[in-house]
Amino acid sequence: MDYPTLKEKLIMPEYGRNIQQMVEHAITIDDRDERTLCVKSIINTMGNLFPYLRDVSDFKHKLWDHLAIMSNFKLDIDFPYEVIQQENLFTSPKKIPYQNSKIRYMHYGSTLQEMIAKVSEYPDGDEKMELILLMANQMKKCFLTWNKEVVDDRKIFDDLRELSHGKIDISEDNLKLVESKDVLQKNNSNNKKRRS
């Protein structure tokens, strides 16, 4: 009896040893047309192993890529798709450049900070005041989410002034923000739902 641990390591274990043996057999076929026909049968069998992935875009293309990898790129056939090249198989993807911008108050986050910078450039008017009210309410919700204590609206307005570099300076008389107890109550009920 042959133990699987004594056999050659599988290149793509998700397809199993039988598919790997089929691919190895296809490499040994001399007639190019017969080899191509054999490979198409192997692709159909590979597709049958994962029927739930057939709706995924480029499913067939991925199967052909996997077949090329399993054959160690030794199959001499006309591939219907441009398959991955062996030298590109182990290359690392390009690094994503991350912004290293400083966030003054972590509980507000960078997106809110960017929004404040944009709104501070708006011309004065009703639209700007409406956006400021929405941002101030969001700031209060963020503050209460992380700090779990009642916050005075004055603190939010001071932070708004600081984050806008003095361009947005409002007093409590102009705006009324959501009540702290309402936000905290909603946060508590959401937490209870998540636990149950």
Protein backbone atom coordinates (compact mmCIF):
# COMPACT_ATOMS: atom_id res chain seq x y z
CA MET A 1 0.00 0.00 0.00
CA ASP A 2 1.30 3.45 -0.90
CA TYR A 3 0.97 6.04 1.82
CA PRO A 4 0.10 9.56 0.62
CA THR A 5 2.87 10.97 2.81
CA LEU A 6 5.43 8.97 0.84
CA LYS A 7 4.15 10.25 -2.51
CA GLU A 8 5.23 13.42 -4.26
CA LYS A 9 3.86 16.64 -2.74
CA LEU A 10 0.78 18.05 -4.48
CA ILE A 11 1.24 21.39 -6.22
CA MET A 12 -2.38 22.43 -5.66
CA PRO A 13 -3.86 20.16 -2.97
CA GLU A 14 -7.38 21.52 -3.43
CA TYR A 15 -7.70 19.52 -6.66
CA GLY A 16 -6.40 16.28 -5.20
CA ARG A 17 -3.93 13.64 -6.33
CA ASN A 18 -6.10 12.26 -9.15
CA ILE A 19 -6.22 15.58 -10.99
CA GLN A 20 -2.46 15.99 -10.47
CA GLN A 21 -1.89 12.54 -12.00
CA MET A 22 -4.15 13.44 -14.96
CA VAL A 23 -2.09 16.57 -15.60
CA GLU A 24 1.15 14.58 -15.39
CA HIS A 25 -0.28 12.07 -17.86
CA ALA A 26 -1.33 14.86 -20.25
CA ILE A 27 2.26 16.16 -20.33
CA THR A 28 3.45 12.75 -21.59
CA ILE A 29 1.02 12.61 -24.56
CA ASP A 30 2.99 13.10 -27.79
CA ASP A 31 0.18 14.10 -30.18
CA ARG A 32 -0.62 17.80 -29.67
CA ASP A 33 -4.31 17.48 -30.67
CA GLU A 34 -4.83 14.50 -28.38
CA ARG A 35 -3.00 16.33 -25.56
CA THR A 36 -5.23 19.40 -26.03
CA LEU A 37 -8.36 17.22 -25.94
CA CYS A 38 -7.13 15.54 -22.76
CA VAL A 39 -6.41 18.90 -21.13
CA LYS A 40 -9.92 20.18 -21.95
CA SER A 41 -11.37 17.11 -20.21
CA ILE A 42 -9.19 17.81 -17.19
CA ILE A 43 -10.44 21.44 -17.11
CA ASN A 44 -14.06 20.20 -17.16
CA THR A 45 -13.32 17.80 -14.30
CA MET A 46 -11.62 20.57 -12.32
CA GLY A 47 -14.68 22.79 -12.87
CA ASN A 48 -16.98 20.00 -11.64
CA LEU A 49 -15.10 19.90 -8.34
CA PHE A 50 -16.20 23.47 -7.57
CA PRO A 51 -19.65 23.95 -9.20
CA TYR A 52 -20.57 26.80 -6.87
CA LEU A 53 -17.77 28.92 -8.35
CA ARG A 54 -19.06 28.78 -11.92
CA ASP A 55 -20.83 32.10 -11.53
CA VAL A 56 -17.58 33.79 -10.52
CA SER A 57 -16.14 35.97 -13.26
CA ASP A 58 -13.04 34.52 -14.94
CA PHE A 59 -13.66 31.08 -13.41
CA LYS A 60 -12.44 29.28 -16.55
CA HIS A 61 -9.43 31.57 -16.77
CA LYS A 62 -8.47 30.65 -13.19
CA LEU A 63 -8.82 26.96 -14.00
CA TRP A 64 -6.43 27.33 -16.93
CA ASP A 65 -3.99 29.22 -14.71
CA HIS A 66 -4.18 26.43 -12.13
CA LEU A 67 -3.64 23.80 -14.81
CA ALA A 68 -0.50 25.58 -16.02
CA ILE A 69 0.78 25.78 -12.44
CA MET A 70 0.03 22.09 -11.79
CA SER A 71 1.97 21.12 -14.93
CA ASN A 72 4.94 23.23 -13.80
CA PHE A 73 4.36 25.19 -17.04
CA LYS A 74 5.41 22.15 -19.13
CA LEU A 75 2.16 21.77 -21.10
CA ASP A 76 2.70 22.51 -24.76
CA ILE A 77 -0.80 23.45 -25.92
CA ASP A 78 -2.61 26.52 -27.20
CA PHE A 79 -4.23 27.94 -24.09
CA PRO A 80 -7.59 29.69 -24.72
CA TYR A 81 -6.56 32.36 -22.21
CA GLU A 82 -3.30 34.08 -21.49
CA VAL A 83 -2.13 32.13 -18.46
CA ILE A 84 0.08 33.38 -15.69
CA GLN A 85 3.80 33.25 -16.41
CA GLN A 86 6.08 31.25 -14.14
CA GLU A 87 8.23 34.27 -13.33
CA ASN A 88 5.11 36.22 -12.23
CA LEU A 89 3.92 33.45 -9.93
CA PHE A 90 5.98 34.47 -6.91
CA THR A 91 6.26 38.21 -7.44
CA SER A 92 4.89 40.39 -4.68
CA PRO A 93 2.14 42.86 -5.53
CA LYS A 94 2.95 46.55 -5.60
CA LYS A 95 2.84 48.19 -2.20
CA ILE A 96 -0.16 50.37 -1.50
CA PRO A 97 0.89 53.84 -0.48
CA TYR A 98 -0.66 54.73 2.84
CA GLN A 99 -1.23 58.24 4.01
CA ASN A 100 0.73 58.98 7.11
CA SER A 101 -1.36 61.98 8.04
CA LYS A 102 -1.62 62.83 11.68
CA ILE A 103 -5.04 62.48 13.26
CA ARG A 104 -5.47 65.07 15.99
CA TYR A 105 -8.31 63.26 17.75
CA MET A 106 -8.40 59.52 17.11
CA HIS A 107 -12.03 59.17 18.19
CA TYR A 108 -13.13 61.43 15.31
CA GLY A 109 -11.06 59.66 12.66
CA SER A 110 -9.40 60.92 9.51
CA THR A 111 -12.54 61.01 7.34
CA LEU A 112 -14.30 63.45 9.65
CA GLN A 113 -11.14 65.54 9.80
CA GLU A 114 -11.05 65.70 5.98
CA MET A 115 -14.74 66.62 5.87
CA ILE A 116 -14.14 69.50 8.29
CA ALA A 117 -11.34 70.80 6.07
CA LYS A 118 -13.63 70.69 3.00
CA VAL A 119 -16.62 72.32 4.70
CA SER A 120 -14.46 75.10 6.13
CA GLU A 121 -13.76 76.17 2.53
CA TYR A 122 -17.49 76.43 1.66
CA PRO A 123 -18.98 79.92 1.26
CA ASP A 124 -21.13 81.07 4.19
CA GLY A 125 -24.79 80.20 3.89
CA ASP A 126 -27.51 77.74 4.80
CA GLU A 127 -25.80 74.79 3.10
CA LYS A 128 -22.60 75.32 5.09
CA MET A 129 -24.53 75.63 8.38
CA GLU A 130 -26.43 72.42 7.62
CA LEU A 131 -23.17 70.57 6.92
CA ILE A 132 -21.62 71.95 10.10
CA LEU A 133 -24.63 70.74 12.12
CA LEU A 134 -24.35 67.25 10.58
CA MET A 135 -20.61 67.12 11.27
CA ALA A 136 -20.98 68.39 14.83
CA ASN A 137 -23.63 65.74 15.54
CA GLN A 138 -21.38 63.06 14.06
CA MET A 139 -18.48 64.32 16.15
CA LYS A 140 -20.61 64.06 19.28
CA LYS A 141 -21.66 60.50 18.37
CA CYS A 142 -18.03 59.51 17.77
CA PHE A 143 -16.96 61.10 21.03
CA LEU A 144 -19.65 59.26 22.98
CA THR A 145 -18.92 55.96 21.26
CA TRP A 146 -15.35 55.99 22.50
CA ASN A 147 -15.61 57.94 25.76
CA LYS A 148 -18.89 56.65 27.24
CA GLU A 149 -19.46 59.82 29.24
CA VAL A 150 -21.66 62.84 28.75
CA VAL A 151 -20.01 65.51 26.64
CA ASP A 152 -20.81 69.18 26.62
CA ASP A 153 -21.67 70.69 23.22
CA ARG A 154 -19.08 73.38 23.95
CA LYS A 155 -16.34 70.69 23.78
CA ILE A 156 -17.54 69.60 20.34
CA PHE A 157 -17.64 73.20 19.08
CA ASP A 158 -14.13 73.84 20.46
CA ASP A 159 -12.81 70.71 18.73
CA LEU A 160 -14.55 71.77 15.50
CA ARG A 161 -12.89 75.18 15.70
CA GLU A 162 -9.50 73.60 16.38
CA LEU A 163 -9.77 71.03 13.56
CA SER A 164 -10.85 73.73 11.08
CA HIS A 165 -7.95 75.98 12.17
CA GLY A 166 -10.39 78.66 13.34
CA LYS A 167 -12.41 78.77 10.10
CA ILE A 168 -15.52 77.27 11.71
CA ASP A 169 -16.33 79.17 14.88
CA ILE A 170 -19.87 78.74 16.15
CA SER A 171 -21.55 79.21 19.47
CA GLU A 172 -24.05 76.99 21.22
CA ASP A 173 -26.76 79.56 20.57
CA ASN A 174 -26.68 78.87 16.85
CA LEU A 175 -26.85 75.07 16.94
CA LYS A 176 -28.45 72.43 19.13
CA LEU A 177 -26.84 69.01 18.93
CA VAL A 178 -28.32 65.60 19.72
CA GLU A 179 -28.68 64.81 23.39
CA SER A 180 -25.89 62.75 24.93
CA LYS A 181 -28.33 60.48 26.74
CA ASP A 182 -30.06 59.59 23.45
CA VAL A 183 -26.78 58.60 21.82
CA LEU A 184 -25.61 56.63 24.85
CA GLN A 185 -28.97 54.87 25.14
CA LYS A 186 -28.83 53.90 21.46
CA ASN A 187 -25.23 52.66 21.82
CA ASN A 188 -26.22 50.55 24.84
CA SER A 189 -29.20 48.99 23.06
CA ASN A 190 -27.01 48.19 20.03
CA ASN A 191 -24.43 46.52 22.30
CA LYS A 192 -27.14 44.41 23.94
CA LYS A 193 -28.42 43.26 20.53
CA ARG A 194 -24.90 42.21 19.48
CA ARG A 195 -24.43 40.16 22.66
CA SER A 196 -27.69 38.22 22.25
